[in-house]
Amino acid sequence: MILSGPALPFSEKGSSRYPVATVIFFATTGFVSGYFLSVWNPGSEGQATKEALVMWIGLIGDLFLRALKCVVLPLGEQLPSRASGPRCPDVP
Protein backbone atom coordinates (compact mmCIF):
# COMPACT_ATOMS: atom_id res chain seq x y z
CA MET A 1 0.00 0.00 0.00
CA ILE A 2 1.34 3.40 -0.97
CA LEU A 3 1.01 6.01 1.73
CA SER A 4 0.26 9.55 0.72
CA GLY A 5 -0.85 12.76 2.33
CA PRO A 6 -4.39 14.04 2.48
CA ALA A 7 -6.20 14.37 -0.82
CA LEU A 8 -6.04 17.92 -2.16
CA PRO A 9 -8.80 19.52 -4.19
CA PHE A 10 -8.07 19.78 -7.90
CA SER A 11 -7.30 23.50 -7.74
CA GLU A 12 -4.46 22.95 -5.27
CA LYS A 13 -2.60 20.26 -7.21
CA GLY A 14 0.56 20.81 -9.24
CA SER A 15 0.69 23.32 -12.05
CA SER A 16 -2.98 24.29 -11.91
CA ARG A 17 -2.12 26.67 -9.09
CA TYR A 18 0.28 28.72 -11.26
CA PRO A 19 -0.66 28.19 -14.94
CA VAL A 20 1.13 31.24 -16.36
CA ALA A 21 4.35 30.48 -14.50
CA THR A 22 4.17 26.87 -15.69
CA VAL A 23 3.81 27.89 -19.35
CA ILE A 24 6.68 30.38 -19.02
CA PHE A 25 8.88 27.78 -17.33
CA PHE A 26 8.31 25.12 -19.98
CA ALA A 27 8.63 27.60 -22.87
CA THR A 28 11.96 28.76 -21.44
CA THR A 29 13.06 25.15 -20.99
CA GLY A 30 12.17 24.50 -24.64
CA PHE A 31 14.15 27.49 -25.89
CA VAL A 32 17.19 26.58 -23.79
CA SER A 33 17.16 22.92 -24.84
CA GLY A 34 16.70 23.98 -28.49
CA TYR A 35 19.66 26.32 -28.28
CA PHE A 36 21.93 23.70 -26.73
CA LEU A 37 20.87 21.12 -29.29
CA SER A 38 21.70 23.54 -32.09
CA VAL A 39 25.24 24.19 -30.82
CA TRP A 40 25.94 20.59 -29.75
CA ASN A 41 28.42 18.88 -32.07
CA PRO A 42 28.52 15.18 -31.15
CA GLY A 43 30.88 14.14 -33.94
CA SER A 44 30.22 11.58 -36.65
CA GLU A 45 29.28 8.74 -34.27
CA GLY A 46 26.66 10.70 -32.32
CA GLN A 47 24.99 12.42 -35.26
CA ALA A 48 22.15 9.89 -35.32
CA THR A 49 21.56 10.49 -31.60
CA LYS A 50 21.35 14.25 -32.15
CA GLU A 51 18.90 13.81 -35.02
CA ALA A 52 16.70 11.54 -32.89
CA LEU A 53 16.73 14.00 -29.98
CA VAL A 54 15.87 16.91 -32.26
CA MET A 55 13.01 14.92 -33.78
CA TRP A 56 11.46 13.93 -30.42
CA ILE A 57 11.88 17.35 -28.79
CA GLY A 58 10.50 18.96 -31.95
CA LEU A 59 7.47 16.68 -31.72
CA ILE A 60 6.78 17.83 -28.16
CA GLY A 61 7.15 21.48 -29.18
CA ASP A 62 4.88 21.00 -32.19
CA LEU A 63 2.19 19.37 -30.04
CA PHE A 64 2.42 22.25 -27.56
CA LEU A 65 2.01 24.87 -30.28
CA ARG A 66 -0.95 23.02 -31.77
CA ALA A 67 -2.62 22.80 -28.35
CA LEU A 68 -1.98 26.50 -27.80
CA LYS A 69 -3.59 27.32 -31.16
CA CYS A 70 -6.62 25.22 -30.21
CA VAL A 71 -7.08 27.38 -27.12
CA VAL A 72 -6.16 30.82 -28.47
CA LEU A 73 -7.80 30.83 -31.92
CA PRO A 74 -11.37 30.26 -30.64
CA LEU A 75 -10.86 33.17 -28.23
CA GLY A 76 -9.74 35.43 -31.07
CA GLU A 77 -12.86 34.65 -33.07
CA GLN A 78 -15.14 35.58 -30.17
CA LEU A 79 -13.44 38.80 -29.03
CA PRO A 80 -14.11 41.07 -32.06
CA SER A 81 -17.83 40.23 -32.05
CA ARG A 82 -18.11 41.13 -28.37
CA ALA A 83 -16.12 44.35 -28.73
CA SER A 84 -18.17 45.75 -31.59
CA GLY A 85 -21.48 45.44 -29.75
CA PRO A 86 -24.80 44.57 -31.35
CA ARG A 87 -24.85 44.32 -35.12
CA CYS A 88 -28.31 45.64 -35.90
CA PRO A 89 -28.34 48.10 -38.82
CA ASP A 90 -31.74 49.55 -37.79
CA VAL A 91 -30.55 50.80 -34.41
CA PRO A 92 -29.28 54.41 -34.53
PDB file of N, CA and C in Angstrom:
ATOM      1  N   MET A   1       0.845  -1.180   0.000  1.00  0.00           N
ATOM      2  CA  MET A   1       0.000   0.000   0.000  1.00  0.00           C
ATOM      3  C   MET A   1       0.888   1.240   0.000  1.00  0.00           C
ATOM      4  N   ILE A   2       0.567   2.172  -0.878  1.00  0.00           N
ATOM      5  CA  ILE A   2       1.339   3.400  -0.973  1.00  0.00           C
ATOM      6  C   ILE A   2       0.704   4.439  -0.056  1.00  0.00           C
ATOM      7  N   LEU A   3       1.515   4.990   0.818  1.00  0.00           N
ATOM      8  CA  LEU A   3       1.015   6.006   1.730  1.00  0.00           C
ATOM      9  C   LEU A   3       1.181   7.376   1.106  1.00  0.00           C
ATOM     10  N   SER A   4       0.178   8.186   1.241  1.00  0.00           N
ATOM     11  CA  SER A   4       0.260   9.548   0.720  1.00  0.00           C
ATOM     12  C   SER A   4      -0.436  10.482   1.693  1.00  0.00           C
ATOM     13  N   GLY A   5      -0.249  11.755   1.463  1.00  0.00           N
ATOM     14  CA  GLY A   5      -0.851  12.763   2.328  1.00  0.00           C
ATOM     15  C   GLY A   5      -2.334  12.887   2.058  1.00  0.00           C
ATOM     16  N   PRO A   6      -2.957  13.842   2.695  1.00  0.00           N
ATOM     17  CA  PRO A   6      -4.389  14.038   2.482  1.00  0.00           C
ATOM     18  C   PRO A   6      -4.676  14.463   1.045  1.00  0.00           C
ATOM     19  N   ALA A   7      -5.819  14.045   0.551  1.00  0.00           N
ATOM     20  CA  ALA A   7      -6.197  14.375  -0.820  1.00  0.00           C
ATOM     21  C   ALA A   7      -6.456  15.873  -0.930  1.00  0.00           C
ATOM     22  N   LEU A   8      -5.852  16.486  -1.927  1.00  0.00           N
ATOM     23  CA  LEU A   8      -6.037  17.917  -2.157  1.00  0.00           C
ATOM     24  C   LEU A   8      -7.111  18.130  -3.206  1.00  0.00           C
ATOM     25  N   PRO A   9      -7.866  19.210  -3.110  1.00  0.00           N
ATOM     26  CA  PRO A   9      -8.800  19.523  -4.186  1.00  0.00           C
ATOM     27  C   PRO A   9      -8.032  19.765  -5.483  1.00  0.00           C
ATOM     28  N   PHE A  10      -8.728  19.654  -6.597  1.00  0.00           N
ATOM     29  CA  PHE A  10      -8.066  19.775  -7.895  1.00  0.00           C
ATOM     30  C   PHE A  10      -7.349  21.108  -8.058  1.00  0.00           C
ATOM     31  N   SER A  11      -7.897  22.182  -7.542  1.00  0.00           N
ATOM     32  CA  SER A  11      -7.300  23.501  -7.737  1.00  0.00           C
ATOM     33  C   SER A  11      -5.998  23.684  -6.970  1.00  0.00           C
ATOM     34  N   GLU A  12      -5.684  22.810  -6.040  1.00  0.00           N
ATOM     35  CA  GLU A  12      -4.460  22.951  -5.268  1.00  0.00           C
ATOM     36  C   GLU A  12      -3.379  21.966  -5.686  1.00  0.00           C
ATOM     37  N   LYS A  13      -3.576  21.245  -6.775  1.00  0.00           N
ATOM     38  CA  LYS A  13      -2.599  20.260  -7.211  1.00  0.00           C
ATOM     39  C   LYS A  13      -1.699  20.833  -8.300  1.00  0.00           C
ATOM     40  N   GLY A  14      -0.418  20.581  -8.193  1.00  0.00           N
ATOM     41  CA  GLY A  14       0.564  20.814  -9.245  1.00  0.00           C
ATOM     42  C   GLY A  14       0.511  22.155  -9.930  1.00  0.00           C
ATOM     43  N   SER A  15       0.551  22.109 -11.259  1.00  0.00           N
ATOM     44  CA  SER A  15       0.693  23.321 -12.048  1.00  0.00           C
ATOM     45  C   SER A  15      -0.602  24.103 -12.192  1.00  0.00           C
ATOM     46  N   SER A  16      -1.729  23.553 -11.754  1.00  0.00           N
ATOM     47  CA  SER A  16      -2.979  24.294 -11.907  1.00  0.00           C
ATOM     48  C   SER A  16      -3.037  25.494 -10.964  1.00  0.00           C
ATOM     49  N   ARG A  17      -2.160  25.536  -9.993  1.00  0.00           N
ATOM     50  CA  ARG A  17      -2.120  26.668  -9.088  1.00  0.00           C
ATOM     51  C   ARG A  17      -1.447  27.878  -9.746  1.00  0.00           C
ATOM     52  N   TYR A  18      -0.465  27.644 -10.594  1.00  0.00           N
ATOM     53  CA  TYR A  18       0.285  28.716 -11.265  1.00  0.00           C
ATOM     54  C   TYR A  18       0.370  28.432 -12.766  1.00  0.00           C
ATOM     55  N   PRO A  19      -0.708  28.579 -13.522  1.00  0.00           N
ATOM     56  CA  PRO A  19      -0.664  28.186 -14.937  1.00  0.00           C
ATOM     57  C   PRO A  19       0.245  29.061 -15.796  1.00  0.00           C
ATOM     58  N   VAL A  20       0.290  30.356 -15.544  1.00  0.00           N
ATOM     59  CA  VAL A  20       1.133  31.240 -16.358  1.00  0.00           C
ATOM     60  C   VAL A  20       2.603  30.958 -16.096  1.00  0.00           C
ATOM     61  N   ALA A  21       2.961  30.786 -14.839  1.00  0.00           N
ATOM     62  CA  ALA A  21       4.347  30.481 -14.497  1.00  0.00           C
ATOM     63  C   ALA A  21       4.765  29.141 -15.088  1.00  0.00           C
ATOM     64  N   THR A  22       3.854  28.182 -15.123  1.00  0.00           N
ATOM     65  CA  THR A  22       4.165  26.873 -15.689  1.00  0.00           C
ATOM     66  C   THR A  22       4.440  26.980 -17.180  1.00  0.00           C
ATOM     67  N   VAL A  23       3.603  27.731 -17.908  1.00  0.00           N
ATOM     68  CA  VAL A  23       3.809  27.893 -19.349  1.00  0.00           C
ATOM     69  C   VAL A  23       5.124  28.616 -19.614  1.00  0.00           C
ATOM     70  N   ILE A  24       5.417  29.655 -18.840  1.00  0.00           N
ATOM     71  CA  ILE A  24       6.676  30.385 -19.021  1.00  0.00           C
ATOM     72  C   ILE A  24       7.870  29.485 -18.731  1.00  0.00           C
ATOM     73  N   PHE A  25       7.785  28.684 -17.672  1.00  0.00           N
ATOM     74  CA  PHE A  25       8.883  27.783 -17.326  1.00  0.00           C
ATOM     75  C   PHE A  25       9.151  26.786 -18.446  1.00  0.00           C
ATOM     76  N   PHE A  26       8.095  26.130 -18.952  1.00  0.00           N
ATOM     77  CA  PHE A  26       8.309  25.115 -19.980  1.00  0.00           C
ATOM     78  C   PHE A  26       8.690  25.729 -21.324  1.00  0.00           C
ATOM     79  N   ALA A  27       8.201  26.928 -21.635  1.00  0.00           N
ATOM     80  CA  ALA A  27       8.630  27.596 -22.869  1.00  0.00           C
ATOM     81  C   ALA A  27      10.109  27.948 -22.788  1.00  0.00           C
ATOM     82  N   THR A  28      10.548  28.440 -21.634  1.00  0.00           N
ATOM     83  CA  THR A  28      11.965  28.757 -21.442  1.00  0.00           C
ATOM     84  C   THR A  28      12.813  27.496 -21.522  1.00  0.00           C
ATOM     85  N   THR A  29      12.343  26.425 -20.912  1.00  0.00           N
ATOM     86  CA  THR A  29      13.060  25.151 -20.992  1.00  0.00           C
ATOM     87  C   THR A  29      13.180  24.686 -22.439  1.00  0.00           C
ATOM     88  N   GLY A  30      12.130  24.881 -23.220  1.00  0.00           N
ATOM     89  CA  GLY A  30      12.174  24.504 -24.635  1.00  0.00           C
ATOM     90  C   GLY A  30      13.170  25.332 -25.430  1.00  0.00           C
ATOM     91  N   PHE A  31      13.190  26.644 -25.185  1.00  0.00           N
ATOM     92  CA  PHE A  31      14.153  27.495 -25.885  1.00  0.00           C
ATOM     93  C   PHE A  31      15.586  27.132 -25.517  1.00  0.00           C
ATOM     94  N   VAL A  32      15.837  26.906 -24.237  1.00  0.00           N
ATOM     95  CA  VAL A  32      17.195  26.576 -23.786  1.00  0.00           C
ATOM     96  C   VAL A  32      17.642  25.236 -24.359  1.00  0.00           C
ATOM     97  N   SER A  33      16.770  24.230 -24.300  1.00  0.00           N
ATOM     98  CA  SER A  33      17.156  22.924 -24.840  1.00  0.00           C
ATOM     99  C   SER A  33      17.343  23.003 -26.359  1.00  0.00           C
ATOM    100  N   GLY A  34      16.526  23.802 -27.045  1.00  0.00           N
ATOM    101  CA  GLY A  34      16.701  23.976 -28.488  1.00  0.00           C
ATOM    102  C   GLY A  34      18.013  24.651 -28.834  1.00  0.00           C
ATOM    103  N   TYR A  35      18.395  25.645 -28.036  1.00  0.00           N
ATOM    104  CA  TYR A  35      19.664  26.321 -28.278  1.00  0.00           C
ATOM    105  C   TYR A  35      20.836  25.365 -28.091  1.00  0.00           C
ATOM    106  N   PHE A  36      20.816  24.616 -26.981  1.00  0.00           N
ATOM    107  CA  PHE A  36      21.926  23.702 -26.726  1.00  0.00           C
ATOM    108  C   PHE A  36      21.984  22.565 -27.740  1.00  0.00           C
ATOM    109  N   LEU A  37      20.848  22.131 -28.242  1.00  0.00           N
ATOM    110  CA  LEU A  37      20.871  21.117 -29.294  1.00  0.00           C
ATOM    111  C   LEU A  37      21.426  21.685 -30.597  1.00  0.00           C
ATOM    112  N   SER A  38      21.195  22.964 -30.850  1.00  0.00           N
ATOM    113  CA  SER A  38      21.703  23.544 -32.095  1.00  0.00           C
ATOM    114  C   SER A  38      23.215  23.738 -32.065  1.00  0.00           C
ATOM    115  N   VAL A  39      23.796  23.989 -30.894  1.00  0.00           N
ATOM    116  CA  VAL A  39      25.242  24.191 -30.823  1.00  0.00           C
ATOM    117  C   VAL A  39      26.004  22.916 -30.464  1.00  0.00           C
ATOM    118  N   TRP A  40      25.297  21.853 -30.130  1.00  0.00           N
ATOM    119  CA  TRP A  40      25.944  20.589 -29.754  1.00  0.00           C
ATOM    120  C   TRP A  40      26.498  19.908 -30.995  1.00  0.00           C
ATOM    121  N   ASN A  41      27.773  19.566 -30.968  1.00  0.00           N
ATOM    122  CA  ASN A  41      28.424  18.884 -32.074  1.00  0.00           C
ATOM    123  C   ASN A  41      28.929  17.534 -31.570  1.00  0.00           C
ATOM    124  N   PRO A  42      28.132  16.461 -31.722  1.00  0.00           N
ATOM    125  CA  PRO A  42      28.516  15.178 -31.154  1.00  0.00           C
ATOM    126  C   PRO A  42      29.566  14.410 -31.950  1.00  0.00           C
ATOM    127  N   GLY A  43      29.935  14.874 -33.108  1.00  0.00           N
ATOM    128  CA  GLY A  43      30.877  14.138 -33.941  1.00  0.00           C
ATOM    129  C   GLY A  43      30.119  13.208 -34.878  1.00  0.00           C
ATOM    130  N   SER A  44      30.859  12.431 -35.639  1.00  0.00           N
ATOM    131  CA  SER A  44      30.220  11.577 -36.646  1.00  0.00           C
ATOM    132  C   SER A  44      29.463  10.403 -36.024  1.00  0.00           C
ATOM    133  N   GLU A  45      29.936   9.901 -34.877  1.00  0.00           N
ATOM    134  CA  GLU A  45      29.280   8.742 -34.267  1.00  0.00           C
ATOM    135  C   GLU A  45      27.967   9.104 -33.581  1.00  0.00           C
ATOM    136  N   GLY A  46      27.863  10.304 -33.054  1.00  0.00           N
ATOM    137  CA  GLY A  46      26.663  10.698 -32.323  1.00  0.00           C
ATOM    138  C   GLY A  46      25.669  11.495 -33.133  1.00  0.00           C
ATOM    139  N   GLN A  47      25.883  11.614 -34.431  1.00  0.00           N
ATOM    140  CA  GLN A  47      24.985  12.421 -35.256  1.00  0.00           C
ATOM    141  C   GLN A  47      23.581  11.834 -35.291  1.00  0.00           C
ATOM    142  N   ALA A  48      23.466  10.524 -35.315  1.00  0.00           N
ATOM    143  CA  ALA A  48      22.148   9.889 -35.318  1.00  0.00           C
ATOM    144  C   ALA A  48      21.423  10.152 -34.004  1.00  0.00           C
ATOM    145  N   THR A  49      22.170  10.190 -32.902  1.00  0.00           N
ATOM    146  CA  THR A  49      21.564  10.491 -31.598  1.00  0.00           C
ATOM    147  C   THR A  49      21.028  11.911 -31.578  1.00  0.00           C
ATOM    148  N   LYS A  50      21.794  12.846 -32.112  1.00  0.00           N
ATOM    149  CA  LYS A  50      21.354  14.245 -32.147  1.00  0.00           C
ATOM    150  C   LYS A  50      20.101  14.393 -32.998  1.00  0.00           C
ATOM    151  N   GLU A  51      20.068  13.728 -34.150  1.00  0.00           N
ATOM    152  CA  GLU A  51      18.900  13.813 -35.022  1.00  0.00           C
ATOM    153  C   GLU A  51      17.665  13.232 -34.346  1.00  0.00           C
ATOM    154  N   ALA A  52      17.833  12.139 -33.598  1.00  0.00           N
ATOM    155  CA  ALA A  52      16.696  11.543 -32.890  1.00  0.00           C
ATOM    156  C   ALA A  52      16.196  12.466 -31.782  1.00  0.00           C
ATOM    157  N   LEU A  53      17.126  13.073 -31.037  1.00  0.00           N
ATOM    158  CA  LEU A  53      16.727  14.005 -29.978  1.00  0.00           C
ATOM    159  C   LEU A  53      15.995  15.214 -30.550  1.00  0.00           C
ATOM    160  N   VAL A  54      16.511  15.750 -31.634  1.00  0.00           N
ATOM    161  CA  VAL A  54      15.870  16.913 -32.258  1.00  0.00           C
ATOM    162  C   VAL A  54      14.471  16.538 -32.737  1.00  0.00           C
ATOM    163  N   MET A  55      14.312  15.348 -33.291  1.00  0.00           N
ATOM    164  CA  MET A  55      13.008  14.917 -33.780  1.00  0.00           C
ATOM    165  C   MET A  55      12.004  14.791 -32.625  1.00  0.00           C
ATOM    166  N   TRP A  56      12.392  14.144 -31.523  1.00  0.00           N
ATOM    167  CA  TRP A  56      11.460  13.929 -30.416  1.00  0.00           C
ATOM    168  C   TRP A  56      11.150  15.227 -29.670  1.00  0.00           C
ATOM    169  N   ILE A  57      12.139  16.073 -29.466  1.00  0.00           N
ATOM    170  CA  ILE A  57      11.882  17.347 -28.795  1.00  0.00           C
ATOM    171  C   ILE A  57      11.060  18.256 -29.702  1.00  0.00           C
ATOM    172  N   GLY A  58      11.316  18.203 -31.006  1.00  0.00           N
ATOM    173  CA  GLY A  58      10.501  18.963 -31.949  1.00  0.00           C
ATOM    174  C   GLY A  58       9.051  18.503 -31.955  1.00  0.00           C
ATOM    175  N   LEU A  59       8.836  17.203 -31.786  1.00  0.00           N
ATOM    176  CA  LEU A  59       7.474  16.680 -31.724  1.00  0.00           C
ATOM    177  C   LEU A  59       6.732  17.237 -30.510  1.00  0.00           C
ATOM    178  N   ILE A  60       7.401  17.280 -29.365  1.00  0.00           N
ATOM    179  CA  ILE A  60       6.782  17.826 -28.155  1.00  0.00           C
ATOM    180  C   ILE A  60       6.456  19.303 -28.347  1.00  0.00           C
ATOM    181  N   GLY A  61       7.394  20.054 -28.929  1.00  0.00           N
ATOM    182  CA  GLY A  61       7.151  21.475 -29.184  1.00  0.00           C
ATOM    183  C   GLY A  61       6.017  21.701 -30.171  1.00  0.00           C
ATOM    184  N   ASP A  62       5.949  20.877 -31.205  1.00  0.00           N
ATOM    185  CA  ASP A  62       4.884  20.999 -32.193  1.00  0.00           C
ATOM    186  C   ASP A  62       3.525  20.705 -31.565  1.00  0.00           C
ATOM    187  N   LEU A  63       3.453  19.684 -30.730  1.00  0.00           N
ATOM    188  CA  LEU A  63       2.194  19.374 -30.043  1.00  0.00           C
ATOM    189  C   LEU A  63       1.773  20.507 -29.111  1.00  0.00           C
ATOM    190  N   PHE A  64       2.741  21.126 -28.432  1.00  0.00           N
ATOM    191  CA  PHE A  64       2.425  22.251 -27.556  1.00  0.00           C
ATOM    192  C   PHE A  64       1.856  23.419 -28.352  1.00  0.00           C
ATOM    193  N   LEU A  65       2.487  23.755 -29.476  1.00  0.00           N
ATOM    194  CA  LEU A  65       2.009  24.874 -30.277  1.00  0.00           C
ATOM    195  C   LEU A  65       0.630  24.596 -30.861  1.00  0.00           C
ATOM    196  N   ARG A  66       0.376  23.355 -31.256  1.00  0.00           N
ATOM    197  CA  ARG A  66      -0.954  23.016 -31.769  1.00  0.00           C
ATOM    198  C   ARG A  66      -2.012  23.129 -30.677  1.00  0.00           C
ATOM    199  N   ALA A  67      -1.678  22.683 -29.468  1.00  0.00           N
ATOM    200  CA  ALA A  67      -2.618  22.803 -28.352  1.00  0.00           C
ATOM    201  C   ALA A  67      -2.874  24.266 -28.017  1.00  0.00           C
ATOM    202  N   LEU A  68      -1.826  25.079 -28.076  1.00  0.00           N
ATOM    203  CA  LEU A  68      -1.980  26.504 -27.802  1.00  0.00           C
ATOM    204  C   LEU A  68      -2.880  27.168 -28.845  1.00  0.00           C
ATOM    205  N   LYS A  69      -2.727  26.774 -30.101  1.00  0.00           N
ATOM    206  CA  LYS A  69      -3.586  27.321 -31.155  1.00  0.00           C
ATOM    207  C   LYS A  69      -5.036  26.898 -30.950  1.00  0.00           C
ATOM    208  N   CYS A  70      -5.249  25.681 -30.462  1.00  0.00           N
ATOM    209  CA  CYS A  70      -6.618  25.219 -30.215  1.00  0.00           C
ATOM    210  C   CYS A  70      -7.290  26.036 -29.123  1.00  0.00           C
ATOM    211  N   VAL A  71      -6.517  26.587 -28.208  1.00  0.00           N
ATOM    212  CA  VAL A  71      -7.083  27.384 -27.122  1.00  0.00           C
ATOM    213  C   VAL A  71      -7.204  28.842 -27.529  1.00  0.00           C
ATOM    214  N   VAL A  72      -6.201  29.390 -28.193  1.00  0.00           N
ATOM    215  CA  VAL A  72      -6.155  30.820 -28.469  1.00  0.00           C
ATOM    216  C   VAL A  72      -7.026  31.212 -29.662  1.00  0.00           C
ATOM    217  N   LEU A  73      -7.036  30.449 -30.728  1.00  0.00           N
ATOM    218  CA  LEU A  73      -7.802  30.829 -31.915  1.00  0.00           C
ATOM    219  C   LEU A  73      -9.296  30.949 -31.654  1.00  0.00           C
ATOM    220  N   PRO A  74      -9.940  30.049 -30.924  1.00  0.00           N
ATOM    221  CA  PRO A  74     -11.368  30.264 -30.640  1.00  0.00           C
ATOM    222  C   PRO A  74     -11.617  31.544 -29.833  1.00  0.00           C
ATOM    223  N   LEU A  75     -10.696  31.918 -28.972  1.00  0.00           N
ATOM    224  CA  LEU A  75     -10.856  33.169 -28.227  1.00  0.00           C
ATOM    225  C   LEU A  75     -10.788  34.368 -29.155  1.00  0.00           C
ATOM    226  N   GLY A  76      -9.887  34.330 -30.128  1.00  0.00           N
ATOM    227  CA  GLY A  76      -9.736  35.432 -31.065  1.00  0.00           C
ATOM    228  C   GLY A  76     -10.942  35.618 -31.957  1.00  0.00           C
ATOM    229  N   GLU A  77     -11.659  34.534 -32.250  1.00  0.00           N
ATOM    230  CA  GLU A  77     -12.857  34.648 -33.072  1.00  0.00           C
ATOM    231  C   GLU A  77     -14.010  35.248 -32.286  1.00  0.00           C
ATOM    232  N   GLN A  78     -14.035  35.072 -30.979  1.00  0.00           N
ATOM    233  CA  GLN A  78     -15.137  35.581 -30.170  1.00  0.00           C
ATOM    234  C   GLN A  78     -14.928  37.033 -29.752  1.00  0.00           C
ATOM    235  N   LEU A  79     -13.695  37.461 -29.553  1.00  0.00           N
ATOM    236  CA  LEU A  79     -13.444  38.798 -29.028  1.00  0.00           C
ATOM    237  C   LEU A  79     -13.914  39.933 -29.933  1.00  0.00           C
ATOM    238  N   PRO A  80     -13.654  39.934 -31.245  1.00  0.00           N
ATOM    239  CA  PRO A  80     -14.112  41.066 -32.059  1.00  0.00           C
ATOM    240  C   PRO A  80     -15.634  41.217 -32.068  1.00  0.00           C
ATOM    241  N   SER A  81     -16.371  40.127 -32.031  1.00  0.00           N
ATOM    242  CA  SER A  81     -17.826  40.233 -32.049  1.00  0.00           C
ATOM    243  C   SER A  81     -18.346  40.821 -30.743  1.00  0.00           C
ATOM    244  N   ARG A  82     -17.702  40.558 -29.649  1.00  0.00           N
ATOM    245  CA  ARG A  82     -18.108  41.126 -28.367  1.00  0.00           C
ATOM    246  C   ARG A  82     -17.729  42.609 -28.278  1.00  0.00           C
ATOM    247  N   ALA A  83     -16.601  42.970 -28.843  1.00  0.00           N
ATOM    248  CA  ALA A  83     -16.123  44.351 -28.732  1.00  0.00           C
ATOM    249  C   ALA A  83     -16.933  45.319 -29.592  1.00  0.00           C
ATOM    250  N   SER A  84     -17.457  44.851 -30.689  1.00  0.00           N
ATOM    251  CA  SER A  84     -18.169  45.753 -31.585  1.00  0.00           C
ATOM    252  C   SER A  84     -19.608  46.002 -31.164  1.00  0.00           C
ATOM    253  N   GLY A  85     -20.118  45.246 -30.228  1.00  0.00           N
ATOM    254  CA  GLY A  85     -21.480  45.445 -29.747  1.00  0.00           C
ATOM    255  C   GLY A  85     -22.496  44.790 -30.663  1.00  0.00           C
ATOM    256  N   PRO A  86     -23.767  45.182 -30.519  1.00  0.00           N
ATOM    257  CA  PRO A  86     -24.804  44.568 -31.346  1.00  0.00           C
ATOM    258  C   PRO A  86     -24.657  44.970 -32.812  1.00  0.00           C
ATOM    259  N   ARG A  87     -24.992  44.063 -33.686  1.00  0.00           N
ATOM    260  CA  ARG A  87     -24.852  44.321 -35.116  1.00  0.00           C
ATOM    261  C   ARG A  87     -26.221  44.451 -35.770  1.00  0.00           C
ATOM    262  N   CYS A  88     -26.996  45.398 -35.329  1.00  0.00           N
ATOM    263  CA  CYS A  88     -28.308  45.636 -35.901  1.00  0.00           C
ATOM    264  C   CYS A  88     -28.239  46.927 -36.713  1.00  0.00           C
ATOM    265  N   PRO A  89     -28.454  46.889 -38.017  1.00  0.00           N
ATOM    266  CA  PRO A  89     -28.338  48.101 -38.819  1.00  0.00           C
ATOM    267  C   PRO A  89     -29.471  49.104 -38.561  1.00  0.00           C
ATOM    268  N   ASP A  90     -30.612  48.656 -38.013  1.00  0.00           N
ATOM    269  CA  ASP A  90     -31.737  49.550 -37.793  1.00  0.00           C
ATOM    270  C   ASP A  90     -31.603  50.408 -36.548  1.00  0.00           C
ATOM    271  N   VAL A  91     -30.699  50.055 -35.662  1.00  0.00           N
ATOM    272  CA  VAL A  91     -30.547  50.805 -34.409  1.00  0.00           C
ATOM    273  C   VAL A  91     -29.659  51.999 -34.650  1.00  0.00           C
ATOM    274  N   PRO A  92     -30.120  53.222 -34.293  1.00  0.00           N
ATOM    275  CA  PRO A  92     -29.282  54.412 -34.528  1.00  0.00           C
ATOM    276  C   PRO A  92     -28.107  54.498 -33.608  1.00  0.00           C
TER     277      PRO A  92
END
